């Protein structure tokens, strides 16, 4: 089955695509940048660099640090971060629904 990969150029030099959105989703799931990076097979430094790029690109945090007690700190998505994920996934679903009928004939087994 064909699948789209969407990259949104938000501003010059700043874009959002599937990798950054997956990282945000992993942070929401795992509660930390380092655990999210490990789950995605990337270093903490790379994960932090991507988070920092998104925070700077949007001009406010998409990820917020949580101060910790016994278990230590962590991270969670800000309201903006959750909104970025939701809107990106909505764009992705809409684009896929729009594009796939155009490729249906190319992907069928009929000549």
PDB file of N, CA and C in Angstrom:
ATOM      1  N   UNK A   1       0.839  -1.185   0.000  1.00  0.00           N
ATOM      2  CA  UNK A   1       0.000   0.000   0.000  1.00  0.00           C
ATOM      3  C   UNK A   1       0.885   1.250   0.000  1.00  0.00           C
ATOM      4  N   UNK A   2       0.553   2.188  -0.819  1.00  0.00           N
ATOM      5  CA  UNK A   2       1.300   3.440  -0.886  1.00  0.00           C
ATOM      6  C   UNK A   2       1.027   4.266   0.358  1.00  0.00           C
ATOM      7  N   UNK A   3       2.017   5.025   0.750  1.00  0.00           N
ATOM      8  CA  UNK A   3       1.883   5.864   1.929  1.00  0.00           C
ATOM      9  C   UNK A   3       2.643   7.162   1.679  1.00  0.00           C
ATOM     10  N   UNK A   4       2.071   8.273   2.112  1.00  0.00           N
ATOM     11  CA  UNK A   4       2.718   9.575   1.957  1.00  0.00           C
ATOM     12  C   UNK A   4       3.649   9.857   3.115  1.00  0.00           C
ATOM     13  N   UNK A   5       4.653  10.638   2.843  1.00  0.00           N
ATOM     14  CA  UNK A   5       5.517  11.181   3.875  1.00  0.00           C
ATOM     15  C   UNK A   5       5.439  12.699   3.732  1.00  0.00           C
ATOM     16  N   UNK A   6       4.956  13.358   4.760  1.00  0.00           N
ATOM     17  CA  UNK A   6       4.711  14.802   4.696  1.00  0.00           C
ATOM     18  C   UNK A   6       5.800  15.550   5.451  1.00  0.00           C
ATOM     19  N   UNK A   7       6.323  16.576   4.832  1.00  0.00           N
ATOM     20  CA  UNK A   7       7.239  17.509   5.481  1.00  0.00           C
ATOM     21  C   UNK A   7       6.647  18.890   5.300  1.00  0.00           C
ATOM     22  N   UNK A   8       6.520  19.603   6.402  1.00  0.00           N
ATOM     23  CA  UNK A   8       5.945  20.942   6.352  1.00  0.00           C
ATOM     24  C   UNK A   8       7.054  21.949   6.632  1.00  0.00           C
ATOM     25  N   UNK A   9       7.317  22.812   5.658  1.00  0.00           N
ATOM     26  CA  UNK A   9       8.299  23.880   5.840  1.00  0.00           C
ATOM     27  C   UNK A   9       7.585  25.018   6.556  1.00  0.00           C
ATOM     28  N   UNK A  10       7.814  25.119   7.846  1.00  0.00           N
ATOM     29  CA  UNK A  10       7.124  26.098   8.684  1.00  0.00           C
ATOM     30  C   UNK A  10       7.684  27.497   8.459  1.00  0.00           C
ATOM     31  N   UNK A  11       8.987  27.580   8.358  1.00  0.00           N
ATOM     32  CA  UNK A  11       9.686  28.855   8.149  1.00  0.00           C
ATOM     33  C   UNK A  11      11.016  28.525   7.480  1.00  0.00           C
ATOM     34  N   UNK A  12      11.684  29.515   6.915  1.00  0.00           N
ATOM     35  CA  UNK A  12      12.989  29.236   6.315  1.00  0.00           C
ATOM     36  C   UNK A  12      13.916  28.558   7.330  1.00  0.00           C
ATOM     37  N   UNK A  13      14.423  27.394   6.962  1.00  0.00           N
ATOM     38  CA  UNK A  13      15.332  26.661   7.830  1.00  0.00           C
ATOM     39  C   UNK A  13      14.659  25.877   8.948  1.00  0.00           C
ATOM     40  N   UNK A  14      13.333  25.872   8.986  1.00  0.00           N
ATOM     41  CA  UNK A  14      12.623  25.140  10.038  1.00  0.00           C
ATOM     42  C   UNK A  14      11.484  24.342   9.426  1.00  0.00           C
ATOM     43  N   UNK A  15      11.546  23.032   9.615  1.00  0.00           N
ATOM     44  CA  UNK A  15      10.513  22.162   9.065  1.00  0.00           C
ATOM     45  C   UNK A  15      10.124  21.100  10.081  1.00  0.00           C
ATOM     46  N   UNK A  16       8.926  20.585   9.880  1.00  0.00           N
ATOM     47  CA  UNK A  16       8.405  19.496  10.698  1.00  0.00           C
ATOM     48  C   UNK A  16       8.090  18.343   9.758  1.00  0.00           C
ATOM     49  N   UNK A  17       8.536  17.167  10.137  1.00  0.00           N
ATOM     50  CA  UNK A  17       8.266  15.985   9.334  1.00  0.00           C
ATOM     51  C   UNK A  17       8.043  14.782  10.223  1.00  0.00           C
ATOM     52  N   UNK A  18       8.000  13.610   9.619  1.00  0.00           N
ATOM     53  CA  UNK A  18       7.669  12.410  10.374  1.00  0.00           C
ATOM     54  C   UNK A  18       8.640  12.099  11.515  1.00  0.00           C
ATOM     55  N   UNK A  19       9.912  12.381  11.339  1.00  0.00           N
ATOM     56  CA  UNK A  19      10.889  12.084  12.388  1.00  0.00           C
ATOM     57  C   UNK A  19      10.679  12.912  13.641  1.00  0.00           C
ATOM     58  N   UNK A  20      10.492  14.197  13.480  1.00  0.00           N
ATOM     59  CA  UNK A  20      10.272  15.068  14.638  1.00  0.00           C
ATOM     60  C   UNK A  20       8.949  14.750  15.323  1.00  0.00           C
ATOM     61  N   UNK A  21       7.935  14.437  14.539  1.00  0.00           N
ATOM     62  CA  UNK A  21       6.639  14.103  15.126  1.00  0.00           C
ATOM     63  C   UNK A  21       6.737  12.774  15.877  1.00  0.00           C
ATOM     64  N   UNK A  22       7.443  11.798  15.313  1.00  0.00           N
ATOM     65  CA  UNK A  22       7.649  10.537  16.024  1.00  0.00           C
ATOM     66  C   UNK A  22       8.389  10.766  17.332  1.00  0.00           C
ATOM     67  N   UNK A  23       9.365  11.664  17.324  1.00  0.00           N
ATOM     68  CA  UNK A  23      10.095  11.974  18.550  1.00  0.00           C
ATOM     69  C   UNK A  23       9.155  12.576  19.592  1.00  0.00           C
ATOM     70  N   UNK A  24       8.316  13.516  19.195  1.00  0.00           N
ATOM     71  CA  UNK A  24       7.355  14.098  20.132  1.00  0.00           C
ATOM     72  C   UNK A  24       6.425  13.028  20.689  1.00  0.00           C
ATOM     73  N   UNK A  25       5.951  12.141  19.840  1.00  0.00           N
ATOM     74  CA  UNK A  25       5.073  11.061  20.303  1.00  0.00           C
ATOM     75  C   UNK A  25       5.801  10.144  21.287  1.00  0.00           C
ATOM     76  N   UNK A  26       7.067   9.862  21.012  1.00  0.00           N
ATOM     77  CA  UNK A  26       7.850   9.003  21.908  1.00  0.00           C
ATOM     78  C   UNK A  26       8.103   9.687  23.249  1.00  0.00           C
ATOM     79  N   UNK A  27       8.326  10.993  23.248  1.00  0.00           N
ATOM     80  CA  UNK A  27       8.498  11.737  24.500  1.00  0.00           C
ATOM     81  C   UNK A  27       7.214  11.658  25.316  1.00  0.00           C
ATOM     82  N   UNK A  28       6.079  11.832  24.650  1.00  0.00           N
ATOM     83  CA  UNK A  28       4.789  11.729  25.344  1.00  0.00           C
ATOM     84  C   UNK A  28       4.607  10.328  25.931  1.00  0.00           C
ATOM     85  N   UNK A  29       5.018   9.325  25.202  1.00  0.00           N
ATOM     86  CA  UNK A  29       4.850   7.944  25.653  1.00  0.00           C
ATOM     87  C   UNK A  29       5.809   7.568  26.779  1.00  0.00           C
ATOM     88  N   UNK A  30       7.071   7.970  26.650  1.00  0.00           N
ATOM     89  CA  UNK A  30       8.104   7.520  27.579  1.00  0.00           C
ATOM     90  C   UNK A  30       8.399   8.490  28.722  1.00  0.00           C
ATOM     91  N   UNK A  31       7.978   9.729  28.573  1.00  0.00           N
ATOM     92  CA  UNK A  31       8.181  10.698  29.645  1.00  0.00           C
ATOM     93  C   UNK A  31       9.589  11.234  29.788  1.00  0.00           C
ATOM     94  N   UNK A  32      10.418  11.014  28.798  1.00  0.00           N
ATOM     95  CA  UNK A  32      11.762  11.596  28.831  1.00  0.00           C
ATOM     96  C   UNK A  32      12.336  11.652  27.426  1.00  0.00           C
ATOM     97  N   UNK A  33      13.223  12.612  27.233  1.00  0.00           N
ATOM     98  CA  UNK A  33      13.881  12.764  25.935  1.00  0.00           C
ATOM     99  C   UNK A  33      14.836  11.608  25.696  1.00  0.00           C
ATOM    100  N   UNK A  34      15.585  11.213  26.715  1.00  0.00           N
ATOM    101  CA  UNK A  34      16.558  10.129  26.535  1.00  0.00           C
ATOM    102  C   UNK A  34      15.860   8.805  26.245  1.00  0.00           C
ATOM    103  N   UNK A  35      14.770   8.489  26.949  1.00  0.00           N
ATOM    104  CA  UNK A  35      14.041   7.241  26.693  1.00  0.00           C
ATOM    105  C   UNK A  35      13.398   7.268  25.313  1.00  0.00           C
ATOM    106  N   UNK A  36      12.893   8.418  24.903  1.00  0.00           N
ATOM    107  CA  UNK A  36      12.319   8.545  23.568  1.00  0.00           C
ATOM    108  C   UNK A  36      13.389   8.320  22.510  1.00  0.00           C
ATOM    109  N   UNK A  37      14.553   8.922  22.705  1.00  0.00           N
ATOM    110  CA  UNK A  37      15.655   8.725  21.765  1.00  0.00           C
ATOM    111  C   UNK A  37      16.052   7.266  21.667  1.00  0.00           C
ATOM    112  N   UNK A  38      16.176   6.604  22.812  1.00  0.00           N
ATOM    113  CA  UNK A  38      16.532   5.180  22.805  1.00  0.00           C
ATOM    114  C   UNK A  38      15.479   4.362  22.055  1.00  0.00           C
ATOM    115  N   UNK A  39      14.213   4.661  22.296  1.00  0.00           N
ATOM    116  CA  UNK A  39      13.129   3.921  21.642  1.00  0.00           C
ATOM    117  C   UNK A  39      13.180   4.086  20.124  1.00  0.00           C
ATOM    118  N   UNK A  40      13.678   5.217  19.680  1.00  0.00           N
ATOM    119  CA  UNK A  40      13.757   5.499  18.242  1.00  0.00           C
ATOM    120  C   UNK A  40      15.135   5.202  17.651  1.00  0.00           C
ATOM    121  N   UNK A  41      16.050   4.728  18.488  1.00  0.00           N
ATOM    122  CA  UNK A  41      17.389   4.402  17.998  1.00  0.00           C
ATOM    123  C   UNK A  41      18.260   5.610  17.725  1.00  0.00           C
ATOM    124  N   UNK A  42      18.048   6.692  18.479  1.00  0.00           N
ATOM    125  CA  UNK A  42      18.887   7.882  18.300  1.00  0.00           C
ATOM    126  C   UNK A  42      19.526   8.267  19.629  1.00  0.00           C
ATOM    127  N   UNK A  43      20.599   8.972  19.539  1.00  0.00           N
ATOM    128  CA  UNK A  43      21.301   9.403  20.745  1.00  0.00           C
ATOM    129  C   UNK A  43      20.500  10.484  21.463  1.00  0.00           C
ATOM    130  N   UNK A  44      20.802  10.644  22.748  1.00  0.00           N
ATOM    131  CA  UNK A  44      20.178  11.717  23.515  1.00  0.00           C
ATOM    132  C   UNK A  44      20.515  13.056  22.882  1.00  0.00           C
ATOM    133  N   UNK A  45      21.765  13.222  22.467  1.00  0.00           N
ATOM    134  CA  UNK A  45      22.181  14.494  21.871  1.00  0.00           C
ATOM    135  C   UNK A  45      21.359  14.818  20.628  1.00  0.00           C
ATOM    136  N   UNK A  46      21.147  13.830  19.779  1.00  0.00           N
ATOM    137  CA  UNK A  46      20.355  14.047  18.559  1.00  0.00           C
ATOM    138  C   UNK A  46      18.905  14.383  18.912  1.00  0.00           C
ATOM    139  N   UNK A  47      18.343  13.647  19.863  1.00  0.00           N
ATOM    140  CA  UNK A  47      16.962  13.905  20.276  1.00  0.00           C
ATOM    141  C   UNK A  47      16.844  15.310  20.855  1.00  0.00           C
ATOM    142  N   UNK A  48      17.795  15.688  21.713  1.00  0.00           N
ATOM    143  CA  UNK A  48      17.751  17.013  22.319  1.00  0.00           C
ATOM    144  C   UNK A  48      17.915  18.101  21.258  1.00  0.00           C
ATOM    145  N   UNK A  49      18.791  17.890  20.289  1.00  0.00           N
ATOM    146  CA  UNK A  49      18.990  18.859  19.209  1.00  0.00           C
ATOM    147  C   UNK A  49      17.694  19.066  18.424  1.00  0.00           C
ATOM    148  N   UNK A  50      16.969  17.995  18.156  1.00  0.00           N
ATOM    149  CA  UNK A  50      15.701  18.116  17.426  1.00  0.00           C
ATOM    150  C   UNK A  50      14.653  18.847  18.259  1.00  0.00           C
ATOM    151  N   UNK A  51      14.594  18.540  19.554  1.00  0.00           N
ATOM    152  CA  UNK A  51      13.648  19.231  20.444  1.00  0.00           C
ATOM    153  C   UNK A  51      13.990  20.715  20.503  1.00  0.00           C
ATOM    154  N   UNK A  52      15.259  21.020  20.650  1.00  0.00           N
ATOM    155  CA  UNK A  52      15.703  22.418  20.714  1.00  0.00           C
ATOM    156  C   UNK A  52      15.362  23.158  19.416  1.00  0.00           C
ATOM    157  N   UNK A  53      15.533  22.497  18.279  1.00  0.00           N
ATOM    158  CA  UNK A  53      15.196  23.114  16.990  1.00  0.00           C
ATOM    159  C   UNK A  53      13.700  23.416  16.916  1.00  0.00           C
ATOM    160  N   UNK A  54      12.879  22.492  17.416  1.00  0.00           N
ATOM    161  CA  UNK A  54      11.438  22.741  17.405  1.00  0.00           C
ATOM    162  C   UNK A  54      11.061  23.858  18.371  1.00  0.00           C
ATOM    163  N   UNK A  55      11.642  23.843  19.567  1.00  0.00           N
ATOM    164  CA  UNK A  55      11.367  24.915  20.534  1.00  0.00           C
ATOM    165  C   UNK A  55      11.737  26.276  19.948  1.00  0.00           C
ATOM    166  N   UNK A  56      12.899  26.353  19.328  1.00  0.00           N
ATOM    167  CA  UNK A  56      13.343  27.612  18.722  1.00  0.00           C
ATOM    168  C   UNK A  56      12.486  27.983  17.509  1.00  0.00           C
ATOM    169  N   UNK A  57      12.162  26.999  16.689  1.00  0.00           N
ATOM    170  CA  UNK A  57      11.384  27.262  15.483  1.00  0.00           C
ATOM    171  C   UNK A  57       9.995  27.799  15.773  1.00  0.00           C
ATOM    172  N   UNK A  58       9.361  27.264  16.806  1.00  0.00           N
ATOM    173  CA  UNK A  58       8.028  27.738  17.170  1.00  0.00           C
ATOM    174  C   UNK A  58       8.071  28.935  18.115  1.00  0.00           C
ATOM    175  N   UNK A  59       9.254  29.243  18.642  1.00  0.00           N
ATOM    176  CA  UNK A  59       9.394  30.393  19.529  1.00  0.00           C
ATOM    177  C   UNK A  59       8.871  30.149  20.934  1.00  0.00           C
ATOM    178  N   UNK A  60       8.503  28.939  21.226  1.00  0.00           N
ATOM    179  CA  UNK A  60       8.078  28.541  22.568  1.00  0.00           C
ATOM    180  C   UNK A  60       8.195  27.024  22.669  1.00  0.00           C
ATOM    181  N   UNK A  61       8.235  26.499  23.861  1.00  0.00           N
ATOM    182  CA  UNK A  61       8.526  25.068  24.025  1.00  0.00           C
ATOM    183  C   UNK A  61       7.445  24.133  23.498  1.00  0.00           C
ATOM    184  N   UNK A  62       7.900  23.084  22.810  1.00  0.00           N
ATOM    185  CA  UNK A  62       7.027  21.975  22.460  1.00  0.00           C
ATOM    186  C   UNK A  62       7.209  20.847  23.480  1.00  0.00           C
ATOM    187  N   UNK A  63       8.317  20.898  24.193  1.00  0.00           N
ATOM    188  CA  UNK A  63       8.621  19.934  25.247  1.00  0.00           C
ATOM    189  C   UNK A  63       9.006  20.714  26.490  1.00  0.00           C
ATOM    190  N   UNK A  64       8.476  20.278  27.621  1.00  0.00           N
ATOM    191  CA  UNK A  64       8.776  20.923  28.901  1.00  0.00           C
ATOM    192  C   UNK A  64       9.475  19.930  29.812  1.00  0.00           C
ATOM    193  N   UNK A  65      10.471  20.423  30.540  1.00  0.00           N
ATOM    194  CA  UNK A  65      11.160  19.587  31.523  1.00  0.00           C
ATOM    195  C   UNK A  65      10.281  19.448  32.750  1.00  0.00           C
ATOM    196  N   UNK A  66      10.343  18.274  33.362  1.00  0.00           N
ATOM    197  CA  UNK A  66       9.642  18.041  34.613  1.00  0.00           C
ATOM    198  C   UNK A  66      10.688  17.804  35.685  1.00  0.00           C
ATOM    199  N   UNK A  67      10.592  18.533  36.766  1.00  0.00           N
ATOM    200  CA  UNK A  67      11.509  18.286  37.869  1.00  0.00           C
ATOM    201  C   UNK A  67      11.045  17.023  38.569  1.00  0.00           C
ATOM    202  N   UNK A  68      11.999  16.264  39.037  1.00  0.00           N
ATOM    203  CA  UNK A  68      11.645  14.955  39.577  1.00  0.00           C
ATOM    204  C   UNK A  68      11.930  14.808  41.048  1.00  0.00           C
ATOM    205  N   UNK A  69      11.328  13.825  41.592  1.00  0.00           N
ATOM    206  CA  UNK A  69      11.566  13.435  42.976  1.00  0.00           C
ATOM    207  C   UNK A  69      12.510  12.256  42.978  1.00  0.00           C
ATOM    208  N   UNK A  70      12.071  11.160  43.581  1.00  0.00           N
ATOM    209  CA  UNK A  70      12.900   9.959  43.671  1.00  0.00           C
ATOM    210  C   UNK A  70      13.310   9.419  42.308  1.00  0.00           C
ATOM    211  N   UNK A  71      12.383   9.403  41.384  1.00  0.00           N
ATOM    212  CA  UNK A  71      12.648   8.823  40.061  1.00  0.00           C
ATOM    213  C   UNK A  71      13.394   9.779  39.140  1.00  0.00           C
ATOM    214  N   UNK A  72      13.646  10.981  39.586  1.00  0.00           N
ATOM    215  CA  UNK A  72      14.328  11.953  38.739  1.00  0.00           C
ATOM    216  C   UNK A  72      13.351  12.723  37.894  1.00  0.00           C
ATOM    217  N   UNK A  73      13.875  13.541  37.032  1.00  0.00           N
ATOM    218  CA  UNK A  73      13.031  14.381  36.190  1.00  0.00           C
ATOM    219  C   UNK A  73      12.578  13.651  34.956  1.00  0.00           C
ATOM    220  N   UNK A  74      12.112  14.415  34.034  1.00  0.00           N
ATOM    221  CA  UNK A  74      11.642  13.842  32.788  1.00  0.00           C
ATOM    222  C   UNK A  74      11.243  14.950  31.855  1.00  0.00           C
ATOM    223  N   UNK A  75      10.425  14.623  30.906  1.00  0.00           N
ATOM    224  CA  UNK A  75       9.951  15.610  29.953  1.00  0.00           C
ATOM    225  C   UNK A  75       8.543  15.226  29.533  1.00  0.00           C
ATOM    226  N   UNK A  76       7.803  16.224  29.134  1.00  0.00           N
ATOM    227  CA  UNK A  76       6.458  16.002  28.617  1.00  0.00           C
ATOM    228  C   UNK A  76       6.198  17.028  27.531  1.00  0.00           C
ATOM    229  N   UNK A  77       5.202  16.741  26.715  1.00  0.00           N
ATOM    230  CA  UNK A  77       4.839  17.701  25.681  1.00  0.00           C
ATOM    231  C   UNK A  77       4.100  18.870  26.310  1.00  0.00           C
ATOM    232  N   UNK A  78       4.405  20.042  25.828  1.00  0.00           N
ATOM    233  CA  UNK A  78       3.619  21.216  26.210  1.00  0.00           C
ATOM    234  C   UNK A  78       2.296  21.143  25.448  1.00  0.00           C
ATOM    235  N   UNK A  79       1.399  22.057  25.736  1.00  0.00           N
ATOM    236  CA  UNK A  79       0.165  22.129  24.958  1.00  0.00           C
ATOM    237  C   UNK A  79       0.463  22.317  23.489  1.00  0.00           C
ATOM    238  N   UNK A  80       1.460  23.154  23.193  1.00  0.00           N
ATOM    239  CA  UNK A  80       1.857  23.376  21.803  1.00  0.00           C
ATOM    240  C   UNK A  80       2.384  22.089  21.191  1.00  0.00           C
ATOM    241  N   UNK A  81       3.210  21.354  21.925  1.00  0.00           N
ATOM    242  CA  UNK A  81       3.752  20.097  21.408  1.00  0.00           C
ATOM    243  C   UNK A  81       2.661  19.103  21.061  1.00  0.00           C
ATOM    244  N   UNK A  82       1.673  18.975  21.933  1.00  0.00           N
ATOM    245  CA  UNK A  82       0.547  18.080  21.666  1.00  0.00           C
ATOM    246  C   UNK A  82      -0.242  18.556  20.454  1.00  0.00           C
ATOM    247  N   UNK A  83      -0.383  19.857  20.321  1.00  0.00           N
ATOM    248  CA  UNK A  83      -1.100  20.423  19.174  1.00  0.00           C
ATOM    249  C   UNK A  83      -0.341  20.193  17.873  1.00  0.00           C
ATOM    250  N   UNK A  84       0.981  20.313  17.917  1.00  0.00           N
ATOM    251  CA  UNK A  84       1.802  20.063  16.722  1.00  0.00           C
ATOM    252  C   UNK A  84       1.581  18.628  16.250  1.00  0.00           C
ATOM    253  N   UNK A  85       1.626  17.672  17.177  1.00  0.00           N
ATOM    254  CA  UNK A  85       1.419  16.264  16.818  1.00  0.00           C
ATOM    255  C   UNK A  85       0.030  16.071  16.225  1.00  0.00           C
ATOM    256  N   UNK A  86      -0.984  16.579  16.898  1.00  0.00           N
ATOM    257  CA  UNK A  86      -2.365  16.395  16.438  1.00  0.00           C
ATOM    258  C   UNK A  86      -2.584  17.006  15.058  1.00  0.00           C
ATOM    259  N   UNK A  87      -2.091  18.216  14.863  1.00  0.00           N
ATOM    260  CA  UNK A  87      -2.298  18.879  13.565  1.00  0.00           C
ATOM    261  C   UNK A  87      -1.498  18.222  12.448  1.00  0.00           C
ATOM    262  N   UNK A  88      -0.270  17.803  12.751  1.00  0.00           N
ATOM    263  CA  UNK A  88       0.536  17.114  11.744  1.00  0.00           C
ATOM    264  C   UNK A  88      -0.155  15.820  11.318  1.00  0.00           C
ATOM    265  N   UNK A  89      -0.621  15.046  12.278  1.00  0.00           N
ATOM    266  CA  UNK A  89      -1.289  13.776  11.960  1.00  0.00           C
ATOM    267  C   UNK A  89      -2.589  14.024  11.182  1.00  0.00           C
ATOM    268  N   UNK A  90      -3.289  15.109  11.486  1.00  0.00           N
ATOM    269  CA  UNK A  90      -4.503  15.446  10.743  1.00  0.00           C
ATOM    270  C   UNK A  90      -4.168  15.795   9.295  1.00  0.00           C
ATOM    271  N   UNK A  91      -3.118  16.573   9.081  1.00  0.00           N
ATOM    272  CA  UNK A  91      -2.678  16.915   7.723  1.00  0.00           C
ATOM    273  C   UNK A  91      -2.278  15.642   6.983  1.00  0.00           C
ATOM    274  N   UNK A  92      -1.559  14.779   7.660  1.00  0.00           N
ATOM    275  CA  UNK A  92      -1.110  13.528   7.057  1.00  0.00           C
ATOM    276  C   UNK A  92      -2.308  12.665   6.615  1.00  0.00           C
ATOM    277  N   UNK A  93      -3.304  12.525   7.473  1.00  0.00           N
ATOM    278  CA  UNK A  93      -4.496  11.735   7.126  1.00  0.00           C
ATOM    279  C   UNK A  93      -5.250  12.358   5.945  1.00  0.00           C
ATOM    280  N   UNK A  94      -5.415  13.668   5.983  1.00  0.00           N
ATOM    281  CA  UNK A  94      -6.141  14.349   4.901  1.00  0.00           C
ATOM    282  C   UNK A  94      -5.390  14.230   3.572  1.00  0.00           C
ATOM    283  N   UNK A  95      -4.092  14.406   3.605  1.00  0.00           N
ATOM    284  CA  UNK A  95      -3.299  14.313   2.374  1.00  0.00           C
ATOM    285  C   UNK A  95      -3.329  12.900   1.819  1.00  0.00           C
ATOM    286  N   UNK A  96      -3.219  11.921   2.696  1.00  0.00           N
ATOM    287  CA  UNK A  96      -3.245  10.539   2.247  1.00  0.00           C
ATOM    288  C   UNK A  96      -4.595  10.193   1.619  1.00  0.00           C
ATOM    289  N   UNK A  97      -5.669  10.603   2.261  1.00  0.00           N
ATOM    290  CA  UNK A  97      -7.006  10.335   1.722  1.00  0.00           C
ATOM    291  C   UNK A  97      -7.199  11.005   0.372  1.00  0.00           C
ATOM    292  N   UNK A  98      -6.619  12.180   0.192  1.00  0.00           N
ATOM    293  CA  UNK A  98      -6.736  12.903  -1.059  1.00  0.00           C
ATOM    294  C   UNK A  98      -5.855  12.310  -2.157  1.00  0.00           C
ATOM    295  N   UNK A  99      -4.665  11.868  -1.798  1.00  0.00           N
ATOM    296  CA  UNK A  99      -3.689  11.422  -2.795  1.00  0.00           C
ATOM    297  C   UNK A  99      -3.875   9.980  -3.249  1.00  0.00           C
ATOM    298  N   UNK A 100      -4.286   9.104  -2.368  1.00  0.00           N
ATOM    299  CA  UNK A 100      -4.317   7.691  -2.718  1.00  0.00           C
ATOM    300  C   UNK A 100      -5.233   7.348  -3.897  1.00  0.00           C
ATOM    301  N   UNK A 101      -6.393   7.991  -4.055  1.00  0.00           N
ATOM    302  CA  UNK A 101      -7.195   7.671  -5.243  1.00  0.00           C
ATOM    303  C   UNK A 101      -6.465   7.955  -6.560  1.00  0.00           C
ATOM    304  N   UNK A 102      -5.568   8.909  -6.562  1.00  0.00           N
ATOM    305  CA  UNK A 102      -4.819   9.242  -7.773  1.00  0.00           C
ATOM    306  C   UNK A 102      -3.818   8.149  -8.136  1.00  0.00           C
ATOM    307  N   UNK A 103      -3.416   7.372  -7.150  1.00  0.00           N
ATOM    308  CA  UNK A 103      -2.434   6.313  -7.377  1.00  0.00           C
ATOM    309  C   UNK A 103      -3.066   4.931  -7.447  1.00  0.00           C
ATOM    310  N   UNK A 104      -4.365   4.834  -7.209  1.00  0.00           N
ATOM    311  CA  UNK A 104      -5.026   3.523  -7.167  1.00  0.00           C
ATOM    312  C   UNK A 104      -4.805   2.729  -8.443  1.00  0.00           C
ATOM    313  N   UNK A 105      -4.955   3.338  -9.585  1.00  0.00           N
ATOM    314  CA  UNK A 105      -4.767   2.642 -10.857  1.00  0.00           C
ATOM    315  C   UNK A 105      -3.344   2.199 -11.092  1.00  0.00           C
ATOM    316  N   UNK A 106      -2.408   2.950 -10.580  1.00  0.00           N
ATOM    317  CA  UNK A 106      -0.992   2.594 -10.746  1.00  0.00           C
ATOM    318  C   UNK A 106      -0.595   1.431  -9.853  1.00  0.00           C
ATOM    319  N   UNK A 107      -1.302   1.276  -8.757  1.00  0.00           N
ATOM    320  CA  UNK A 107      -0.920   0.268  -7.779  1.00  0.00           C
ATOM    321  C   UNK A 107      -1.678  -1.036  -7.906  1.00  0.00           C
ATOM    322  N   UNK A 108      -2.700  -1.051  -8.741  1.00  0.00           N
ATOM    323  CA  UNK A 108      -3.470  -2.287  -8.894  1.00  0.00           C
ATOM    324  C   UNK A 108      -2.677  -3.295  -9.718  1.00  0.00           C
ATOM    325  N   UNK A 109      -3.066  -4.542  -9.606  1.00  0.00           N
ATOM    326  CA  UNK A 109      -2.362  -5.593 -10.353  1.00  0.00           C
ATOM    327  C   UNK A 109      -2.877  -5.707 -11.785  1.00  0.00           C
ATOM    328  N   UNK A 110      -3.957  -4.986 -12.106  1.00  0.00           N
ATOM    329  CA  UNK A 110      -4.497  -5.016 -13.486  1.00  0.00           C
ATOM    330  C   UNK A 110      -3.640  -4.140 -14.393  1.00  0.00           C
ATOM    331  N   UNK A 111      -3.357  -4.601 -15.614  1.00  0.00           N
ATOM    332  CA  UNK A 111      -2.561  -3.780 -16.557  1.00  0.00           C
ATOM    333  C   UNK A 111      -3.319  -2.593 -17.077  1.00  0.00           C
TER     334      UNK A 111
END
